[in-house]
Amino acid sequence: MNASPVILWFRQDLRLQDNAALHAALARGGPVIPVYIWDEAGEGDWTAGGATKWWLHHSLVALDASLQTRGSRLIVASGDSGEVLSDLITETGAEAVYWNRRYEPAVIARDKIIKADLIAAKIEAKSFNSALLFEPHTIQNKQGKPFQVFTPYWRHCLTLPMAPAVVIRKGDFPAPAEWPASLEISKLKLLPTIKWDGGFYEAWTPGETGAQAQLKRFIAKAMEAYSDQRNTPGIEGTSRLSPHFHFGEIGPRQVWAAVQALSKDSGVFPPNKGSQTFLSEVGWREFAHHLLFHFPQTPTEPLREDFKKFPWAKDKDGALLRAWQRGQTGYPIVDAGMRELWHTGWMHNRVRMVVASFLVKHLRLPWQHGAEWFWDTLVDADLAQNTLGWQWSAGCGADAAPYFRIFAPVTQGERFDGSGEYVRQWVPEIAKLPDKFLHAPWTAPENVREYAKIGGNYPDPVVDHAQAREAALAAFKSLRGDSIVERDA
């Protein structure tokens, strides 16, 4: 036992349960001083976007409230993380700093410097894993190299022992005799000054309690049918846990344990096809962090070197990019997704693939443009996941087979939104169109268009699908020289 204070440095681990750094800090025996530091420069080129700032504000409020129920509180500061920690050590007499690890390149570099400086100052500095089931530096293939294909990666991971979720004991946390000074969370100015976030409040409950409630809802209502319903955007068939994962309001070991608990009666794990598919999606998140750790250049550069020469189209005045961003492409399933994103800060995963494919293969605009837009507008914007998703869609990343696959927006809409529920919700201009024309409104006869009153309220397609498809395939052939024959997906 050590009676000196320990600073518990919160980052993207904004929860109390299954928090390895908190568990170790409490086991140390002295006062625990929870701290959050808003350090934009420490994030490198990927500072938080507008949507994630909104979430962070509310998550910090929720964390502080949870700490106060345990006799503690959250100290909030702004500035260089190393300097803030040094000042806090001086002010509080703390002899240790504990935190949970992150895996983004700029953060890794910053944390190494901070840890070295703390140790040089004779401060105990320890980091822990609470974010992943399998840390990237511990996983390699038979050749001793990082995996680049998901299936063998995940198959290998499932042969390894998995640590259980950490249980934090009940009762108050030991507090210091005096609390250091703290900023009010509102002083971080994370909330938008222009109120574009109204739909966020309807869609989300940030914080650990909200994360647990969402997990319970998913298990009770959607997990068993997840493998069949996860591709249907018009229903709530996915977990919607991604922003809670990103901010560490829930951890993968907690999710794993919740699925294991369902297996107690049957003795079968995973208990059904839906849960098996869902856990593989947890694995995909792990894979994303594995790739980012081993290939830190990929947020801006293609993993496949030859794609640096891809012949992107010209969009001199940015009209095509703006049409995509605003949900005005003339393809309803694409526009529905982009509008859902703007209104709620989230987009259904199937639709994410469709809109990403449309940007890079129909419009042939660089995938980095899409990654930047998602980074600013998604509440679950995560550097590892965002990078993997966009490189997969562009065909230049890991596991992107076939890399020249082109999602046909009309076919995708008809296949996964056959009833039109999703499109009608987000593209109300064409809601009165019959189902047969809903996903291709330009094909509707004039009298039907007049009846539906779509007229000039909804744009014609910004590109012709067949022509765009041929141009994209030609671009791939010029790049690779492959014999490419691909049907619409």
Protein backbone atom coordinates (compact mmCIF):
# COMPACT_ATOMS: atom_id res chain seq x y z
CA MET A 1 0.00 0.00 0.00
CA ASN A 2 1.19 3.51 -0.83
CA ALA A 3 -0.43 6.56 0.78
CA SER A 4 0.87 9.07 -1.80
CA PRO A 5 -1.57 10.29 -4.45
CA VAL A 6 -1.77 8.74 -7.92
CA ILE A 7 -2.98 10.70 -10.93
CA LEU A 8 -5.38 8.66 -13.06
CA TRP A 9 -5.12 10.10 -16.56
CA PHE A 10 -8.36 9.50 -18.47
CA ARG A 11 -8.23 9.58 -22.28
CA GLN A 12 -10.43 7.38 -24.50
CA ASP A 13 -11.41 5.18 -21.57
CA LEU A 14 -14.26 7.22 -20.10
CA ARG A 15 -15.73 4.54 -17.86
CA LEU A 16 -15.28 3.16 -14.36
CA GLN A 17 -15.86 -0.56 -14.91
CA ASP A 18 -13.29 -2.69 -16.75
CA ASN A 19 -10.78 0.11 -16.43
CA ALA A 20 -7.36 -1.44 -15.82
CA ALA A 21 -5.63 1.85 -14.94
CA LEU A 22 -8.33 2.71 -12.40
CA HIS A 23 -8.14 -0.79 -10.91
CA ALA A 24 -4.37 -0.46 -10.47
CA ALA A 25 -4.68 3.04 -9.03
CA LEU A 26 -7.18 1.87 -6.43
CA ALA A 27 -5.02 -1.15 -5.58
CA ARG A 28 -2.12 1.19 -4.88
CA GLY A 29 -3.91 2.38 -1.78
CA GLY A 30 -3.48 6.15 -1.80
CA PRO A 31 -5.70 9.00 -2.98
CA VAL A 32 -6.76 8.80 -6.64
CA ILE A 33 -6.95 12.03 -8.65
CA PRO A 34 -8.90 11.48 -11.92
CA VAL A 35 -7.78 13.89 -14.65
CA TYR A 36 -8.83 14.60 -18.21
CA ILE A 37 -6.57 16.81 -20.37
CA TRP A 38 -7.84 18.47 -23.56
CA ASP A 39 -4.67 18.42 -25.66
CA GLU A 40 -5.40 19.05 -29.33
CA ALA A 41 -1.75 19.39 -30.34
CA GLY A 42 -1.03 15.98 -28.84
CA GLU A 43 -3.38 14.35 -31.36
CA GLY A 44 -1.12 15.30 -34.26
CA ASP A 45 -2.90 15.90 -37.56
CA TRP A 46 -6.11 14.23 -36.38
CA THR A 47 -7.63 16.54 -33.80
CA ALA A 48 -11.22 15.78 -32.86
CA GLY A 49 -13.90 16.64 -35.39
CA GLY A 50 -17.07 18.57 -34.63
CA ALA A 51 -19.25 15.53 -33.99
CA THR A 52 -16.78 13.79 -31.69
CA LYS A 53 -16.30 17.01 -29.73
CA TRP A 54 -20.05 17.04 -29.10
CA TRP A 55 -19.90 13.48 -27.81
CA LEU A 56 -16.80 14.11 -25.72
CA HIS A 57 -18.44 17.03 -23.90
CA HIS A 58 -21.39 14.90 -22.82
CA SER A 59 -19.23 11.88 -22.02
CA LEU A 60 -17.04 13.95 -19.71
CA VAL A 61 -20.13 15.30 -17.96
CA ALA A 62 -21.37 11.72 -17.48
CA LEU A 63 -17.98 10.52 -16.20
CA ASP A 64 -17.75 13.36 -13.68
CA ALA A 65 -21.26 12.54 -12.43
CA SER A 66 -20.30 8.87 -12.02
CA LEU A 67 -17.13 9.77 -10.14
CA GLN A 68 -19.06 12.04 -7.81
CA THR A 69 -21.35 9.16 -6.83
CA ARG A 70 -18.16 7.40 -5.67
CA GLY A 71 -16.90 10.32 -3.58
CA SER A 72 -14.55 11.55 -6.27
CA ARG A 73 -14.58 14.04 -9.15
CA LEU A 74 -13.02 14.67 -12.55
CA ILE A 75 -10.26 17.28 -12.77
CA VAL A 76 -10.38 18.91 -16.21
CA ALA A 77 -7.42 20.74 -17.75
CA SER A 78 -6.35 22.06 -21.14
CA GLY A 79 -2.91 22.27 -22.71
CA ASP A 80 0.17 20.17 -23.33
CA SER A 81 -0.39 16.85 -21.56
CA GLY A 82 3.16 16.53 -20.26
CA GLU A 83 3.17 20.06 -18.85
CA VAL A 84 -0.26 19.68 -17.26
CA LEU A 85 0.75 16.41 -15.61
CA SER A 86 3.99 17.98 -14.32
CA ASP A 87 2.06 20.90 -12.82
CA LEU A 88 -0.44 18.54 -11.20
CA ILE A 89 2.35 16.45 -9.70
CA THR A 90 3.83 19.58 -8.17
CA GLU A 91 0.47 20.80 -6.88
CA THR A 92 -0.75 17.50 -5.44
CA GLY A 93 2.44 15.72 -4.41
CA ALA A 94 1.46 12.76 -6.57
CA GLU A 95 4.16 10.13 -6.99
CA ALA A 96 2.55 8.10 -9.75
CA VAL A 97 0.63 8.56 -13.01
CA TYR A 98 -1.44 5.71 -14.46
CA TRP A 99 -3.27 5.60 -17.79
CA ASN A 100 -4.69 3.23 -20.40
CA ARG A 101 -2.89 2.91 -23.70
CA ARG A 102 -3.97 4.34 -27.06
CA TYR A 103 -2.63 3.20 -30.42
CA GLU A 104 -2.72 6.17 -32.81
CA PRO A 105 0.77 7.04 -34.14
CA ALA A 106 0.94 10.62 -32.84
CA VAL A 107 -0.40 9.61 -29.43
CA ILE A 108 2.08 6.74 -29.13
CA ALA A 109 4.94 9.13 -29.87
CA ARG A 110 3.65 11.68 -27.33
CA ASP A 111 3.07 9.09 -24.63
CA LYS A 112 6.60 7.67 -24.97
CA ILE A 113 8.05 11.12 -24.31
CA ILE A 114 5.75 11.73 -21.35
CA LYS A 115 6.55 8.34 -19.82
CA ALA A 116 10.30 8.89 -20.20
CA ASP A 117 10.06 12.34 -18.64
CA LEU A 118 8.04 11.04 -15.69
CA ILE A 119 10.47 8.23 -15.03
CA ALA A 120 13.39 10.65 -15.25
CA ALA A 121 11.64 12.75 -12.60
CA LYS A 122 11.34 9.60 -10.43
CA ILE A 123 7.56 9.44 -10.87
CA GLU A 124 6.01 6.02 -11.22
CA ALA A 125 4.53 5.90 -14.74
CA LYS A 126 2.44 2.89 -15.79
CA SER A 127 0.17 2.26 -18.76
CA PHE A 128 -2.42 -0.50 -19.18
CA ASN A 129 -4.63 -2.10 -21.80
CA SER A 130 -8.34 -1.46 -21.50
CA ALA A 131 -9.16 -0.74 -25.15
CA LEU A 132 -8.47 -4.00 -26.97
CA LEU A 133 -8.74 -7.75 -26.58
CA PHE A 134 -5.36 -8.22 -28.26
CA GLU A 135 -2.78 -5.45 -28.39
CA PRO A 136 -1.20 -4.91 -31.82
CA HIS A 137 2.39 -5.43 -30.74
CA THR A 138 1.54 -8.91 -29.44
CA ILE A 139 0.11 -10.30 -32.70
CA GLN A 140 2.13 -11.51 -35.69
CA ASN A 141 1.81 -14.13 -38.41
CA LYS A 142 4.04 -17.18 -38.88
CA GLN A 143 6.61 -15.07 -40.66
CA GLY A 144 6.79 -12.69 -37.71
CA LYS A 145 5.03 -9.92 -39.61
CA PRO A 146 1.71 -8.13 -39.12
CA PHE A 147 -1.41 -9.66 -40.64
CA GLN A 148 -2.99 -7.93 -43.64
CA VAL A 149 -6.00 -10.19 -44.12
CA PHE A 150 -8.75 -10.33 -41.53
CA THR A 151 -9.76 -14.01 -41.53
CA PRO A 152 -6.34 -15.49 -40.64
CA TYR A 153 -5.77 -12.61 -38.22
CA TRP A 154 -8.97 -13.29 -36.33
CA ARG A 155 -8.54 -17.07 -36.49
CA HIS A 156 -5.13 -16.63 -34.86
CA CYS A 157 -6.49 -14.27 -32.19
CA LEU A 158 -9.18 -16.74 -31.18
CA THR A 159 -6.50 -19.30 -30.26
CA LEU A 160 -5.00 -16.92 -27.69
CA PRO A 161 -5.96 -16.50 -24.03
CA MET A 162 -8.22 -13.55 -23.35
CA ALA A 163 -8.08 -11.50 -20.16
CA PRO A 164 -11.41 -11.12 -18.32
CA ALA A 165 -13.08 -7.77 -17.77
CA VAL A 166 -11.75 -5.95 -14.71
CA VAL A 167 -14.33 -5.51 -11.94
CA ILE A 168 -14.05 -2.30 -9.92
CA ARG A 169 -15.11 -2.80 -6.33
CA LYS A 170 -18.05 -0.94 -4.83
CA GLY A 171 -17.55 1.97 -2.48
CA ASP A 172 -16.04 5.44 -2.58
CA PHE A 173 -12.70 6.11 -4.22
CA PRO A 174 -10.01 7.54 -1.92
CA ALA A 175 -9.87 11.31 -2.36
CA PRO A 176 -6.97 13.71 -1.75
CA ALA A 177 -7.03 16.09 1.20
CA GLU A 178 -7.41 18.93 -1.30
CA TRP A 179 -8.54 18.82 -4.90
CA PRO A 180 -6.44 20.65 -7.49
CA ALA A 181 -7.96 23.41 -9.58
CA SER A 182 -10.19 22.31 -12.44
CA LEU A 183 -11.78 23.85 -15.51
CA GLU A 184 -15.50 23.59 -16.04
CA ILE A 185 -16.14 21.18 -18.90
CA SER A 186 -18.00 23.91 -20.77
CA LYS A 187 -14.77 25.95 -20.84
CA LEU A 188 -13.30 23.44 -23.29
CA LYS A 189 -15.81 24.79 -25.83
CA LEU A 190 -16.52 21.39 -27.35
CA LEU A 191 -20.15 22.08 -28.23
CA PRO A 192 -20.98 23.78 -31.55
CA THR A 193 -21.73 27.48 -31.59
CA ILE A 194 -24.13 26.97 -34.51
CA LYS A 195 -26.82 24.54 -33.37
CA TRP A 196 -26.48 21.80 -35.97
CA ASP A 197 -26.54 19.10 -33.30
CA GLY A 198 -30.27 18.92 -32.52
CA GLY A 199 -30.65 15.43 -34.00
CA PHE A 200 -27.78 14.12 -31.89
CA TYR A 201 -29.76 14.50 -28.67
CA GLU A 202 -32.59 12.44 -30.13
CA ALA A 203 -30.27 9.66 -31.23
CA TRP A 204 -27.69 9.23 -28.48
CA THR A 205 -26.99 9.01 -24.74
CA PRO A 206 -23.22 9.43 -24.29
CA GLY A 207 -21.57 7.96 -21.22
CA GLU A 208 -20.98 4.61 -19.54
CA THR A 209 -24.62 4.23 -18.48
CA GLY A 210 -25.79 4.93 -22.01
CA ALA A 211 -23.33 2.37 -23.36
CA GLN A 212 -24.55 -0.36 -21.02
CA ALA A 213 -28.17 0.43 -21.86
CA GLN A 214 -27.39 0.22 -25.57
CA LEU A 215 -25.64 -3.13 -25.15
CA LYS A 216 -28.59 -4.54 -23.22
CA ARG A 217 -31.03 -3.30 -25.88
CA PHE A 218 -28.98 -4.88 -28.64
CA ILE A 219 -28.68 -8.23 -26.87
CA ALA A 220 -32.38 -8.33 -26.07
CA LYS A 221 -33.76 -7.13 -29.39
CA ALA A 222 -31.31 -7.48 -32.23
CA MET A 223 -28.28 -9.68 -31.60
CA GLU A 224 -29.82 -13.07 -32.39
CA ALA A 225 -30.92 -11.85 -35.83
CA TYR A 226 -27.84 -9.68 -36.35
CA SER A 227 -26.30 -11.74 -39.14
CA ASP A 228 -29.53 -11.43 -41.17
CA GLN A 229 -30.63 -7.90 -40.28
CA ARG A 230 -27.38 -5.96 -39.96
CA ASN A 231 -27.48 -5.00 -43.65
CA THR A 232 -30.98 -3.50 -43.54
CA PRO A 233 -30.71 0.22 -42.78
CA GLY A 234 -34.45 0.74 -42.31
CA ILE A 235 -34.51 -1.24 -39.06
CA GLU A 236 -32.50 -1.03 -35.85
CA GLY A 237 -30.60 -4.23 -36.49
CA THR A 238 -27.08 -3.16 -35.49
CA SER A 239 -25.53 -2.57 -32.09
CA ARG A 240 -24.92 1.20 -32.49
CA LEU A 241 -22.11 0.76 -29.96
CA SER A 242 -19.36 2.26 -32.13
CA PRO A 243 -19.22 5.73 -30.49
CA HIS A 244 -19.32 4.13 -27.04
CA PHE A 245 -16.38 1.92 -28.09
CA HIS A 246 -14.43 4.85 -29.47
CA PHE A 247 -14.66 6.87 -26.26
CA GLY A 248 -14.07 3.83 -24.08
CA GLU A 249 -17.47 4.04 -22.40
CA ILE A 250 -17.58 0.29 -22.90
CA GLY A 251 -14.76 -2.14 -23.56
CA PRO A 252 -14.53 -5.22 -25.79
CA ARG A 253 -13.96 -7.51 -22.80
CA GLN A 254 -17.28 -6.35 -21.35
CA VAL A 255 -19.03 -7.12 -24.62
CA TRP A 256 -17.34 -10.51 -24.82
CA ALA A 257 -18.41 -11.31 -21.26
CA ALA A 258 -22.00 -10.30 -22.01
CA VAL A 259 -22.13 -12.73 -24.94
CA GLN A 260 -20.50 -15.45 -22.84
CA ALA A 261 -23.21 -14.95 -20.22
CA LEU A 262 -25.81 -15.88 -22.83
CA SER A 263 -24.06 -19.21 -23.34
CA LYS A 264 -24.47 -20.43 -19.76
CA ASP A 265 -27.66 -22.37 -20.37
CA SER A 266 -26.72 -23.96 -23.69
CA GLY A 267 -23.01 -24.28 -23.07
CA VAL A 268 -22.41 -23.14 -26.65
CA PHE A 269 -20.27 -20.08 -27.38
CA PRO A 270 -21.15 -18.02 -29.26
CA PRO A 271 -24.76 -19.00 -28.55
CA ASN A 272 -26.11 -18.31 -32.08
CA LYS A 273 -25.12 -17.16 -35.56
CA GLY A 274 -26.00 -13.56 -34.79
CA SER A 275 -23.67 -13.37 -31.80
CA GLN A 276 -20.90 -15.08 -33.75
CA THR A 277 -21.18 -12.49 -36.51
CA PHE A 278 -21.28 -9.67 -33.98
CA LEU A 279 -18.12 -10.86 -32.22
CA SER A 280 -16.38 -11.04 -35.59
CA GLU A 281 -17.23 -7.33 -35.98
CA VAL A 282 -15.54 -6.73 -32.63
CA GLY A 283 -12.62 -8.57 -34.22
CA TRP A 284 -12.73 -6.24 -37.21
CA ARG A 285 -12.26 -3.32 -34.79
CA GLU A 286 -9.23 -5.11 -33.35
CA PHE A 287 -7.89 -5.66 -36.87
CA ALA A 288 -8.22 -1.95 -37.64
CA HIS A 289 -6.03 -1.06 -34.66
CA HIS A 290 -3.57 -3.80 -35.62
CA LEU A 291 -3.15 -2.26 -39.08
CA LEU A 292 -2.89 1.33 -37.87
CA PHE A 293 -0.23 0.38 -35.33
CA HIS A 294 1.91 -1.50 -37.86
CA PHE A 295 1.27 0.82 -40.82
CA PRO A 296 1.09 4.30 -39.27
CA GLN A 297 1.22 6.05 -42.65
CA THR A 298 -2.18 4.72 -43.75
CA PRO A 299 -4.47 7.54 -42.52
CA THR A 300 -3.23 9.54 -45.50
CA GLU A 301 -1.36 7.06 -47.74
CA PRO A 302 -2.62 3.85 -49.36
CA LEU A 303 -1.37 0.59 -47.88
CA ARG A 304 -0.89 -0.72 -51.41
CA GLU A 305 1.91 1.41 -52.84
CA ASP A 306 0.77 1.16 -56.47
CA PHE A 307 -2.44 3.04 -55.61
CA LYS A 308 -0.47 6.24 -55.15
CA LYS A 309 -0.68 6.53 -58.95
CA PHE A 310 -4.44 6.02 -59.19
CA PRO A 311 -5.90 8.39 -61.83
CA TRP A 312 -8.43 10.37 -59.79
CA ALA A 313 -10.98 12.51 -61.63
CA LYS A 314 -10.89 16.30 -61.69
CA ASP A 315 -13.44 18.21 -59.60
CA LYS A 316 -12.11 21.73 -60.08
CA ASP A 317 -14.90 23.66 -58.39
CA GLY A 318 -15.65 20.93 -55.84
CA ALA A 319 -19.24 20.56 -57.09
CA LEU A 320 -19.19 16.77 -57.08
CA LEU A 321 -17.73 16.56 -53.58
CA ARG A 322 -20.31 19.04 -52.27
CA ALA A 323 -23.16 17.10 -53.87
CA TRP A 324 -21.92 13.97 -52.11
CA GLN A 325 -21.46 15.72 -48.76
CA ARG A 326 -24.91 17.30 -48.85
CA GLY A 327 -26.82 14.25 -50.01
CA GLN A 328 -27.64 15.70 -53.43
CA THR A 329 -26.18 13.10 -55.80
CA GLY A 330 -29.50 11.99 -57.27
CA TYR A 331 -28.98 8.43 -56.01
CA PRO A 332 -31.45 8.02 -53.12
CA ILE A 333 -29.59 5.40 -51.07
CA VAL A 334 -26.41 7.52 -51.20
CA ASP A 335 -28.24 10.73 -50.33
CA ALA A 336 -30.18 9.06 -47.51
CA GLY A 337 -26.92 7.93 -45.93
CA MET A 338 -25.25 11.31 -46.16
CA ARG A 339 -28.28 13.04 -44.67
CA GLU A 340 -28.54 10.52 -41.86
CA LEU A 341 -24.87 11.24 -41.14
CA TRP A 342 -25.41 15.00 -40.96
CA HIS A 343 -28.54 14.75 -38.80
CA THR A 344 -27.43 12.05 -36.33
CA GLY A 345 -23.63 11.90 -36.57
CA TRP A 346 -23.85 8.25 -37.60
CA MET A 347 -24.54 6.14 -40.65
CA HIS A 348 -25.60 2.52 -41.06
CA ASN A 349 -22.60 0.35 -41.96
CA ARG A 350 -24.04 -1.07 -45.18
CA VAL A 351 -24.78 2.46 -46.36
CA ARG A 352 -21.28 3.59 -45.34
CA MET A 353 -19.90 1.08 -47.84
CA VAL A 354 -22.28 2.30 -50.54
CA VAL A 355 -21.55 6.01 -50.10
CA ALA A 356 -17.80 5.36 -49.86
CA SER A 357 -17.81 3.28 -53.03
CA PHE A 358 -19.81 6.00 -54.77
CA LEU A 359 -17.29 8.70 -53.87
CA VAL A 360 -14.17 6.81 -54.91
CA LYS A 361 -15.50 4.72 -57.80
CA HIS A 362 -18.42 6.63 -59.30
CA LEU A 363 -17.04 10.13 -58.75
CA ARG A 364 -13.42 8.91 -58.64
CA LEU A 365 -12.55 11.41 -55.96
CA PRO A 366 -9.72 10.61 -53.53
CA TRP A 367 -10.70 8.45 -50.57
CA GLN A 368 -8.90 10.91 -48.29
CA HIS A 369 -11.69 13.46 -49.00
CA GLY A 370 -14.24 10.99 -47.68
CA ALA A 371 -12.11 10.05 -44.68
CA GLU A 372 -11.81 13.73 -43.73
CA TRP A 373 -15.57 14.33 -44.06
CA PHE A 374 -16.39 11.28 -41.95
CA TRP A 375 -13.80 12.36 -39.40
CA ASP A 376 -15.60 15.65 -38.86
CA THR A 377 -19.20 14.41 -39.01
CA LEU A 378 -19.22 10.99 -37.32
CA VAL A 379 -19.73 10.72 -33.57
CA ASP A 380 -17.82 7.43 -33.78
CA ALA A 381 -14.93 8.86 -35.85
CA ASP A 382 -12.03 6.58 -34.94
CA LEU A 383 -8.71 6.87 -36.75
CA ALA A 384 -8.12 3.12 -37.00
CA GLN A 385 -11.63 2.24 -38.14
CA ASN A 386 -12.01 5.25 -40.43
CA THR A 387 -8.72 4.46 -42.14
CA LEU A 388 -9.44 0.77 -42.64
CA GLY A 389 -12.98 1.43 -43.88
CA TRP A 390 -11.99 4.01 -46.47
CA GLN A 391 -8.97 2.10 -47.73
CA TRP A 392 -11.11 -1.02 -48.02
CA SER A 393 -13.72 0.89 -50.01
CA ALA A 394 -11.11 2.43 -52.28
CA GLY A 395 -9.49 -0.96 -52.86
CA CYS A 396 -6.08 0.24 -51.70
CA GLY A 397 -5.99 -1.23 -48.20
CA ALA A 398 -5.93 -4.53 -46.38
CA ASP A 399 -8.38 -7.30 -47.23
CA ALA A 400 -9.84 -5.27 -50.10
CA ALA A 401 -10.73 -8.18 -52.37
CA PRO A 402 -11.72 -7.72 -55.09
CA TYR A 403 -10.25 -4.24 -54.90
CA PHE A 404 -12.19 -3.15 -58.00
CA ARG A 405 -15.64 -4.08 -56.63
CA ILE A 406 -18.13 -1.32 -57.43
CA PHE A 407 -21.34 -1.00 -55.43
CA ALA A 408 -24.25 -0.18 -57.75
CA PRO A 409 -26.34 2.30 -55.73
CA VAL A 410 -29.68 1.35 -57.31
CA THR A 411 -29.08 -2.37 -56.82
CA GLN A 412 -27.90 -1.82 -53.25
CA GLY A 413 -30.98 0.27 -52.47
CA GLU A 414 -33.37 -2.28 -53.92
CA ARG A 415 -31.64 -5.18 -52.20
CA PHE A 416 -31.28 -3.72 -48.71
CA ASP A 417 -34.07 -1.13 -48.60
CA GLY A 418 -36.68 -2.86 -50.72
CA SER A 419 -39.56 -1.37 -48.77
CA GLY A 420 -38.01 2.08 -49.08
CA GLU A 421 -38.39 2.81 -45.38
CA TYR A 422 -34.85 4.15 -45.03
CA VAL A 423 -34.87 6.31 -48.16
CA ARG A 424 -38.31 7.71 -47.44
CA GLN A 425 -37.18 8.77 -43.97
CA TRP A 426 -34.12 10.69 -45.15
CA VAL A 427 -35.14 11.77 -48.67
CA PRO A 428 -38.72 12.94 -48.13
CA GLU A 429 -38.80 14.74 -51.50
CA ILE A 430 -39.38 11.41 -53.24
CA ALA A 431 -41.32 9.64 -50.49
CA LYS A 432 -44.48 9.39 -52.63
CA LEU A 433 -42.79 7.53 -55.46
CA PRO A 434 -43.85 3.88 -55.86
CA ASP A 435 -41.30 1.33 -54.68
CA LYS A 436 -40.38 0.34 -58.26
CA PHE A 437 -39.07 3.85 -58.97
CA LEU A 438 -37.90 4.89 -55.51
CA HIS A 439 -34.25 3.96 -55.92
CA ALA A 440 -34.05 5.29 -59.49
CA PRO A 441 -36.46 8.24 -59.55
CA TRP A 442 -35.20 9.49 -62.92
CA THR A 443 -36.74 6.38 -64.52
CA ALA A 444 -40.26 7.25 -63.35
CA PRO A 445 -42.68 8.40 -66.10
CA GLU A 446 -43.47 12.09 -66.15
CA ASN A 447 -47.01 11.60 -64.82
CA VAL A 448 -45.65 9.59 -61.87
CA ARG A 449 -43.03 12.25 -61.16
CA GLU A 450 -45.73 14.90 -61.29
CA TYR A 451 -47.93 12.90 -58.90
CA ALA A 452 -45.01 12.48 -56.50
CA LYS A 453 -44.23 16.19 -56.84
CA ILE A 454 -40.52 15.56 -57.15
CA GLY A 455 -40.04 17.93 -60.10
CA GLY A 456 -37.00 20.08 -59.43
CA ASN A 457 -36.94 19.30 -55.71
CA TYR A 458 -34.65 16.32 -56.14
CA PRO A 459 -31.65 16.35 -58.49
CA ASP A 460 -30.98 14.06 -61.42
CA PRO A 461 -27.95 11.78 -60.97
CA VAL A 462 -24.65 13.69 -60.96
CA VAL A 463 -23.10 10.83 -62.96
CA ASP A 464 -24.46 7.99 -65.08
CA HIS A 465 -23.87 4.68 -63.31
CA ALA A 466 -22.87 2.70 -66.40
CA GLN A 467 -20.46 5.36 -67.64
CA ALA A 468 -18.96 5.90 -64.18
CA ARG A 469 -18.52 2.16 -63.74
CA GLU A 470 -16.67 1.82 -67.04
CA ALA A 471 -14.44 4.79 -66.21
CA ALA A 472 -13.60 3.30 -62.82
CA LEU A 473 -12.76 -0.11 -64.28
CA ALA A 474 -10.60 1.56 -66.91
CA ALA A 475 -8.76 3.43 -64.17
CA PHE A 476 -8.10 0.20 -62.28
CA LYS A 477 -6.88 -1.50 -65.45
CA SER A 478 -4.50 1.36 -66.20
CA LEU A 479 -3.15 1.10 -62.67
CA ARG A 480 -2.71 -2.62 -62.37
CA GLY A 481 -2.85 -3.98 -65.89
CA ASP A 482 -5.14 -6.71 -64.56
CA SER A 483 -7.85 -8.47 -66.49
CA ILE A 484 -10.84 -7.10 -64.61
CA VAL A 485 -14.34 -8.47 -65.08
CA GLU A 486 -16.66 -7.41 -62.30
CA ARG A 487 -20.42 -7.45 -61.98
CA ASP A 488 -22.25 -4.78 -60.04
CA ALA A 489 -22.36 -5.50 -56.33
